[in-house]
Amino acid sequence: MSNVSNEKRIASASRVSKSSSQTIFKAFVDPDALVSWLPPKDMNGHISEFDVRDGGAYQI
């Protein structure tokens, strides 16, 4: 028996922040800022790929 599924996994999360648009933008385009807030509480993140260009991607 196998637990493998062909269904795509969809995850979502949200966060409310009283911050300026410039601060929010920096939180997404600065790798150090991103790993400071994106991982769940009590977890750490490490960025192995980070491309902030239009159409780019990141991998934590």
PDB file of N, CA and C in Angstrom:
ATOM      1  N   MET A   1       0.842  -1.178   0.000  1.00  0.00           N
ATOM      2  CA  MET A   1       0.000   0.000   0.000  1.00  0.00           C
ATOM      3  C   MET A   1       0.887   1.242   0.000  1.00  0.00           C
ATOM      4  N   SER A   2       0.455   2.239  -0.731  1.00  0.00           N
ATOM      5  CA  SER A   2       1.250   3.454  -0.866  1.00  0.00           C
ATOM      6  C   SER A   2       0.412   4.678  -0.528  1.00  0.00           C
ATOM      7  N   ASN A   3       1.057   5.666   0.071  1.00  0.00           N
ATOM      8  CA  ASN A   3       0.381   6.925   0.389  1.00  0.00           C
ATOM      9  C   ASN A   3       0.676   8.008  -0.636  1.00  0.00           C
ATOM     10  N   VAL A   4       1.199   7.639  -1.792  1.00  0.00           N
ATOM     11  CA  VAL A   4       1.544   8.600  -2.825  1.00  0.00           C
ATOM     12  C   VAL A   4       0.268   9.106  -3.487  1.00  0.00           C
ATOM     13  N   SER A   5       0.179  10.403  -3.663  1.00  0.00           N
ATOM     14  CA  SER A   5      -0.994  11.012  -4.278  1.00  0.00           C
ATOM     15  C   SER A   5      -0.565  11.810  -5.496  1.00  0.00           C
ATOM     16  N   ASN A   6      -1.365  11.767  -6.534  1.00  0.00           N
ATOM     17  CA  ASN A   6      -1.093  12.563  -7.728  1.00  0.00           C
ATOM     18  C   ASN A   6      -1.755  13.932  -7.656  1.00  0.00           C
ATOM     19  N   GLU A   7      -2.456  14.204  -6.559  1.00  0.00           N
ATOM     20  CA  GLU A   7      -3.104  15.497  -6.405  1.00  0.00           C
ATOM     21  C   GLU A   7      -2.072  16.551  -6.038  1.00  0.00           C
ATOM     22  N   LYS A   8      -2.257  17.763  -6.587  1.00  0.00           N
ATOM     23  CA  LYS A   8      -1.365  18.864  -6.245  1.00  0.00           C
ATOM     24  C   LYS A   8      -1.700  19.381  -4.851  1.00  0.00           C
ATOM     25  N   ARG A   9      -0.661  19.683  -4.113  1.00  0.00           N
ATOM     26  CA  ARG A   9      -0.847  20.233  -2.780  1.00  0.00           C
ATOM     27  C   ARG A   9      -0.914  21.752  -2.888  1.00  0.00           C
ATOM     28  N   ILE A  10      -1.892  22.329  -2.243  1.00  0.00           N
ATOM     29  CA  ILE A  10      -2.034  23.779  -2.221  1.00  0.00           C
ATOM     30  C   ILE A  10      -2.005  24.222  -0.764  1.00  0.00           C
ATOM     31  N   ALA A  11      -1.088  25.105  -0.461  1.00  0.00           N
ATOM     32  CA  ALA A  11      -0.989  25.647   0.888  1.00  0.00           C
ATOM     33  C   ALA A  11      -1.166  27.157   0.820  1.00  0.00           C
ATOM     34  N   SER A  12      -1.769  27.709   1.831  1.00  0.00           N
ATOM     35  CA  SER A  12      -1.914  29.153   1.872  1.00  0.00           C
ATOM     36  C   SER A  12      -1.720  29.630   3.307  1.00  0.00           C
ATOM     37  N   ALA A  13      -1.332  30.868   3.418  1.00  0.00           N
ATOM     38  CA  ALA A  13      -1.139  31.483   4.724  1.00  0.00           C
ATOM     39  C   ALA A  13      -1.383  32.975   4.574  1.00  0.00           C
ATOM     40  N   SER A  14      -1.644  33.619   5.673  1.00  0.00           N
ATOM     41  CA  SER A  14      -1.818  35.065   5.626  1.00  0.00           C
ATOM     42  C   SER A  14      -1.233  35.671   6.892  1.00  0.00           C
ATOM     43  N   ARG A  15      -0.922  36.946   6.779  1.00  0.00           N
ATOM     44  CA  ARG A  15      -0.363  37.667   7.913  1.00  0.00           C
ATOM     45  C   ARG A  15      -0.776  39.122   7.764  1.00  0.00           C
ATOM     46  N   VAL A  16      -1.202  39.738   8.843  1.00  0.00           N
ATOM     47  CA  VAL A  16      -1.580  41.144   8.842  1.00  0.00           C
ATOM     48  C   VAL A  16      -0.422  41.932   9.451  1.00  0.00           C
ATOM     49  N   SER A  17      -0.046  42.992   8.779  1.00  0.00           N
ATOM     50  CA  SER A  17       1.076  43.804   9.249  1.00  0.00           C
ATOM     51  C   SER A  17       0.757  45.282   9.084  1.00  0.00           C
ATOM     52  N   LYS A  18       1.015  46.046  10.104  1.00  0.00           N
ATOM     53  CA  LYS A  18       0.857  47.499  10.026  1.00  0.00           C
ATOM     54  C   LYS A  18       2.205  48.070   9.595  1.00  0.00           C
ATOM     55  N   SER A  19       2.481  47.985   8.319  1.00  0.00           N
ATOM     56  CA  SER A  19       3.763  48.428   7.779  1.00  0.00           C
ATOM     57  C   SER A  19       3.544  49.215   6.498  1.00  0.00           C
ATOM     58  N   SER A  20       4.537  50.015   6.154  1.00  0.00           N
ATOM     59  CA  SER A  20       4.457  50.780   4.910  1.00  0.00           C
ATOM     60  C   SER A  20       4.641  49.838   3.723  1.00  0.00           C
ATOM     61  N   SER A  21       4.201  50.280   2.561  1.00  0.00           N
ATOM     62  CA  SER A  21       4.366  49.450   1.360  1.00  0.00           C
ATOM     63  C   SER A  21       5.842  49.217   1.055  1.00  0.00           C
ATOM     64  N   GLN A  22       6.698  50.179   1.362  1.00  0.00           N
ATOM     65  CA  GLN A  22       8.134  50.010   1.138  1.00  0.00           C
ATOM     66  C   GLN A  22       8.702  48.912   2.041  1.00  0.00           C
ATOM     67  N   THR A  23       8.257  48.859   3.285  1.00  0.00           N
ATOM     68  CA  THR A  23       8.719  47.828   4.217  1.00  0.00           C
ATOM     69  C   THR A  23       8.253  46.448   3.771  1.00  0.00           C
ATOM     70  N   ILE A  24       7.012  46.352   3.322  1.00  0.00           N
ATOM     71  CA  ILE A  24       6.483  45.073   2.833  1.00  0.00           C
ATOM     72  C   ILE A  24       7.259  44.624   1.602  1.00  0.00           C
ATOM     73  N   PHE A  25       7.518  45.536   0.683  1.00  0.00           N
ATOM     74  CA  PHE A  25       8.279  45.201  -0.518  1.00  0.00           C
ATOM     75  C   PHE A  25       9.663  44.669  -0.142  1.00  0.00           C
ATOM     76  N   LYS A  26      10.342  45.365   0.768  1.00  0.00           N
ATOM     77  CA  LYS A  26      11.680  44.926   1.183  1.00  0.00           C
ATOM     78  C   LYS A  26      11.624  43.547   1.839  1.00  0.00           C
ATOM     79  N   ALA A  27      10.563  43.257   2.568  1.00  0.00           N
ATOM     80  CA  ALA A  27      10.426  41.959   3.230  1.00  0.00           C
ATOM     81  C   ALA A  27      10.386  40.814   2.223  1.00  0.00           C
ATOM     82  N   PHE A  28       9.979  41.100   0.999  1.00  0.00           N
ATOM     83  CA  PHE A  28       9.911  40.070  -0.036  1.00  0.00           C
ATOM     84  C   PHE A  28      11.135  40.030  -0.946  1.00  0.00           C
ATOM     85  N   VAL A  29      11.877  41.124  -1.067  1.00  0.00           N
ATOM     86  CA  VAL A  29      12.999  41.151  -2.012  1.00  0.00           C
ATOM     87  C   VAL A  29      14.374  41.102  -1.344  1.00  0.00           C
ATOM     88  N   ASP A  30      14.416  41.170  -0.029  1.00  0.00           N
ATOM     89  CA  ASP A  30      15.668  41.061   0.711  1.00  0.00           C
ATOM     90  C   ASP A  30      15.744  39.645   1.297  1.00  0.00           C
ATOM     91  N   PRO A  31      16.690  38.807   0.840  1.00  0.00           N
ATOM     92  CA  PRO A  31      16.748  37.418   1.310  1.00  0.00           C
ATOM     93  C   PRO A  31      16.853  37.289   2.823  1.00  0.00           C
ATOM     94  N   ASP A  32      17.622  38.154   3.467  1.00  0.00           N
ATOM     95  CA  ASP A  32      17.754  38.073   4.922  1.00  0.00           C
ATOM     96  C   ASP A  32      16.435  38.406   5.611  1.00  0.00           C
ATOM     97  N   ALA A  33      15.733  39.395   5.080  1.00  0.00           N
ATOM     98  CA  ALA A  33      14.433  39.750   5.652  1.00  0.00           C
ATOM     99  C   ALA A  33      13.432  38.615   5.444  1.00  0.00           C
ATOM    100  N   LEU A  34      13.445  38.016   4.272  1.00  0.00           N
ATOM    101  CA  LEU A  34      12.498  36.944   3.950  1.00  0.00           C
ATOM    102  C   LEU A  34      12.639  35.762   4.903  1.00  0.00           C
ATOM    103  N   VAL A  35      13.856  35.312   5.157  1.00  0.00           N
ATOM    104  CA  VAL A  35      14.029  34.159   6.052  1.00  0.00           C
ATOM    105  C   VAL A  35      13.801  34.525   7.513  1.00  0.00           C
ATOM    106  N   SER A  36      13.744  35.823   7.822  1.00  0.00           N
ATOM    107  CA  SER A  36      13.480  36.205   9.207  1.00  0.00           C
ATOM    108  C   SER A  36      11.994  36.122   9.556  1.00  0.00           C
ATOM    109  N   TRP A  37      11.103  36.224   8.564  1.00  0.00           N
ATOM    110  CA  TRP A  37       9.676  36.196   8.872  1.00  0.00           C
ATOM    111  C   TRP A  37       8.896  35.076   8.205  1.00  0.00           C
ATOM    112  N   LEU A  38       9.375  34.519   7.102  1.00  0.00           N
ATOM    113  CA  LEU A  38       8.574  33.546   6.344  1.00  0.00           C
ATOM    114  C   LEU A  38       8.448  32.166   7.004  1.00  0.00           C
ATOM    115  N   PRO A  39       9.515  31.575   7.515  1.00  0.00           N
ATOM    116  CA  PRO A  39       9.348  30.245   8.124  1.00  0.00           C
ATOM    117  C   PRO A  39       8.400  30.294   9.322  1.00  0.00           C
ATOM    118  N   PRO A  40       7.688  29.194   9.560  1.00  0.00           N
ATOM    119  CA  PRO A  40       6.795  29.149  10.726  1.00  0.00           C
ATOM    120  C   PRO A  40       7.569  29.375  12.029  1.00  0.00           C
ATOM    121  N   LYS A  41       6.846  29.750  13.068  1.00  0.00           N
ATOM    122  CA  LYS A  41       7.451  30.014  14.374  1.00  0.00           C
ATOM    123  C   LYS A  41       8.301  28.828  14.823  1.00  0.00           C
ATOM    124  N   ASP A  42       9.433  29.129  15.412  1.00  0.00           N
ATOM    125  CA  ASP A  42      10.387  28.133  15.926  1.00  0.00           C
ATOM    126  C   ASP A  42      11.067  27.313  14.832  1.00  0.00           C
ATOM    127  N   MET A  43      11.038  27.782  13.597  1.00  0.00           N
ATOM    128  CA  MET A  43      11.741  27.109  12.499  1.00  0.00           C
ATOM    129  C   MET A  43      12.678  28.112  11.840  1.00  0.00           C
ATOM    130  N   ASN A  44      13.703  27.611  11.182  1.00  0.00           N
ATOM    131  CA  ASN A  44      14.663  28.446  10.478  1.00  0.00           C
ATOM    132  C   ASN A  44      14.537  28.222   8.982  1.00  0.00           C
ATOM    133  N   GLY A  45      14.965  29.185   8.218  1.00  0.00           N
ATOM    134  CA  GLY A  45      14.951  29.047   6.770  1.00  0.00           C
ATOM    135  C   GLY A  45      16.325  29.319   6.188  1.00  0.00           C
ATOM    136  N   HIS A  46      16.604  28.707   5.066  1.00  0.00           N
ATOM    137  CA  HIS A  46      17.840  28.927   4.318  1.00  0.00           C
ATOM    138  C   HIS A  46      17.458  29.062   2.854  1.00  0.00           C
ATOM    139  N   ILE A  47      17.872  30.129   2.212  1.00  0.00           N
ATOM    140  CA  ILE A  47      17.529  30.344   0.811  1.00  0.00           C
ATOM    141  C   ILE A  47      18.608  29.713  -0.064  1.00  0.00           C
ATOM    142  N   SER A  48      18.183  28.809  -0.937  1.00  0.00           N
ATOM    143  CA  SER A  48      19.134  28.176  -1.856  1.00  0.00           C
ATOM    144  C   SER A  48      19.050  28.776  -3.251  1.00  0.00           C
ATOM    145  N   GLU A  49      17.970  29.473  -3.540  1.00  0.00           N
ATOM    146  CA  GLU A  49      17.804  30.165  -4.832  1.00  0.00           C
ATOM    147  C   GLU A  49      16.989  31.414  -4.574  1.00  0.00           C
ATOM    148  N   PHE A  50      17.419  32.544  -5.159  1.00  0.00           N
ATOM    149  CA  PHE A  50      16.694  33.790  -4.942  1.00  0.00           C
ATOM    150  C   PHE A  50      16.880  34.676  -6.153  1.00  0.00           C
ATOM    151  N   ASP A  51      15.830  34.851  -6.932  1.00  0.00           N
ATOM    152  CA  ASP A  51      15.857  35.670  -8.138  1.00  0.00           C
ATOM    153  C   ASP A  51      14.650  36.584  -8.111  1.00  0.00           C
ATOM    154  N   VAL A  52      14.865  37.866  -7.800  1.00  0.00           N
ATOM    155  CA  VAL A  52      13.761  38.805  -7.636  1.00  0.00           C
ATOM    156  C   VAL A  52      13.313  39.464  -8.930  1.00  0.00           C
ATOM    157  N   ARG A  53      13.882  39.054 -10.050  1.00  0.00           N
ATOM    158  CA  ARG A  53      13.436  39.624 -11.328  1.00  0.00           C
ATOM    159  C   ARG A  53      12.003  39.180 -11.642  1.00  0.00           C
ATOM    160  N   ASP A  54      11.335  39.932 -12.508  1.00  0.00           N
ATOM    161  CA  ASP A  54      10.000  39.566 -12.958  1.00  0.00           C
ATOM    162  C   ASP A  54      10.039  38.145 -13.519  1.00  0.00           C
ATOM    163  N   GLY A  55       9.213  37.279 -12.994  1.00  0.00           N
ATOM    164  CA  GLY A  55       9.206  35.880 -13.419  1.00  0.00           C
ATOM    165  C   GLY A  55      10.215  35.021 -12.665  1.00  0.00           C
ATOM    166  N   GLY A  56      10.962  35.625 -11.745  1.00  0.00           N
ATOM    167  CA  GLY A  56      11.966  34.892 -10.967  1.00  0.00           C
ATOM    168  C   GLY A  56      11.314  33.971  -9.930  1.00  0.00           C
ATOM    169  N   ALA A  57      12.154  33.363  -9.115  1.00  0.00           N
ATOM    170  CA  ALA A  57      11.655  32.419  -8.122  1.00  0.00           C
ATOM    171  C   ALA A  57      12.581  32.406  -6.924  1.00  0.00           C
ATOM    172  N   TYR A  58      12.103  31.826  -5.844  1.00  0.00           N
ATOM    173  CA  TYR A  58      12.974  31.599  -4.709  1.00  0.00           C
ATOM    174  C   TYR A  58      12.728  30.183  -4.197  1.00  0.00           C
ATOM    175  N   GLN A  59      13.740  29.631  -3.550  1.00  0.00           N
ATOM    176  CA  GLN A  59      13.614  28.290  -2.988  1.00  0.00           C
ATOM    177  C   GLN A  59      14.233  28.319  -1.611  1.00  0.00           C
ATOM    178  N   ILE A  60      13.434  27.951  -0.630  1.00  0.00           N
ATOM    179  CA  ILE A  60      13.896  27.941   0.759  1.00  0.00           C
ATOM    180  C   ILE A  60      14.059  26.505   1.196  1.00  0.00           C
TER     181      ILE A  60
END
